[in-house]
């Protein structure tokens, strides 16, 4: 028998995201705020050139810079 989330067409990762969000929303105000802060993450990217690492930048900033037409 297949798992219920598979039958619903949801990936396991998505199931965990939904479960975490439901759990955080069910907490009391002070605990909920702490839990939401822990749930936030920031992806940073750094490029390597000639054996040296560039400055690590937030991924959204790198994406915006790449989308801008070069002058």
Protein backbone atom coordinates (compact mmCIF):
# COMPACT_ATOMS: atom_id res chain seq x y z
CA UNK A 1 0.00 0.00 0.00
CA UNK A 2 1.30 3.41 -0.96
CA UNK A 3 1.76 6.26 1.50
CA UNK A 4 -1.08 8.80 1.61
CA UNK A 5 1.14 11.69 0.54
CA UNK A 6 2.20 9.77 -2.59
CA UNK A 7 -1.42 9.01 -3.43
CA UNK A 8 -2.16 12.73 -3.09
CA UNK A 9 0.68 13.54 -5.51
CA UNK A 10 2.84 15.32 -2.92
CA UNK A 11 6.57 14.76 -2.58
CA UNK A 12 8.04 13.85 0.79
CA UNK A 13 9.87 17.19 0.90
CA UNK A 14 6.61 19.07 0.32
CA UNK A 15 4.90 16.98 3.01
CA UNK A 16 7.58 17.97 5.52
CA UNK A 17 7.26 21.65 4.57
CA UNK A 18 3.49 21.56 5.04
CA UNK A 19 3.79 19.68 8.36
CA UNK A 20 6.36 22.14 9.68
CA UNK A 21 4.24 25.14 8.71
CA UNK A 22 1.15 23.65 10.39
CA UNK A 23 3.11 22.89 13.55
CA UNK A 24 4.62 26.41 13.73
CA UNK A 25 1.19 28.00 13.24
CA UNK A 26 -0.27 25.94 16.09
CA UNK A 27 2.23 27.24 18.68
CA UNK A 28 1.55 30.05 21.13
CA UNK A 29 2.70 33.51 20.04
CA UNK A 30 6.08 33.66 21.81
CA UNK A 31 7.11 30.12 20.84
CA UNK A 32 5.76 30.59 17.30
CA UNK A 33 7.97 33.63 16.68
CA UNK A 34 11.06 31.73 17.86
CA UNK A 35 10.18 28.73 15.69
CA UNK A 36 9.58 30.89 12.61
CA UNK A 37 13.01 32.49 13.01
CA UNK A 38 14.62 29.06 13.15
CA UNK A 39 12.75 28.08 10.01
CA UNK A 40 14.24 30.91 7.95
CA UNK A 41 17.34 30.21 5.97
CA UNK A 42 19.49 32.23 3.68
CA UNK A 43 21.38 30.73 0.81
CA UNK A 44 24.66 32.40 -0.03
CA UNK A 45 26.87 31.73 -3.01
CA UNK A 46 30.56 32.36 -3.60
CA UNK A 47 32.53 31.80 -6.78
CA UNK A 48 36.11 30.56 -7.02
CA UNK A 49 38.55 32.11 -9.47
CA UNK A 50 42.27 31.33 -9.69
CA UNK A 51 42.10 29.38 -6.43
CA UNK A 52 40.56 32.25 -4.44
CA UNK A 53 37.03 32.57 -3.15
CA UNK A 54 35.02 35.68 -3.94
CA UNK A 55 32.80 37.42 -1.38
CA UNK A 56 29.77 35.31 -0.42
CA UNK A 57 26.56 37.02 -1.55
CA UNK A 58 22.89 36.15 -1.01
CA UNK A 59 21.60 34.03 -3.88
CA UNK A 60 18.76 36.46 -4.68
CA UNK A 61 21.28 39.28 -5.16
CA UNK A 62 23.40 37.14 -7.52
CA UNK A 63 20.29 36.16 -9.47
CA UNK A 64 19.25 39.82 -9.88
CA UNK A 65 22.75 40.81 -11.02
CA UNK A 66 22.78 38.00 -13.59
CA UNK A 67 19.37 39.06 -14.93
CA UNK A 68 20.46 42.66 -15.55
CA UNK A 69 21.76 43.33 -19.06
CA UNK A 70 25.47 44.07 -19.05
CA UNK A 71 26.42 47.57 -20.15
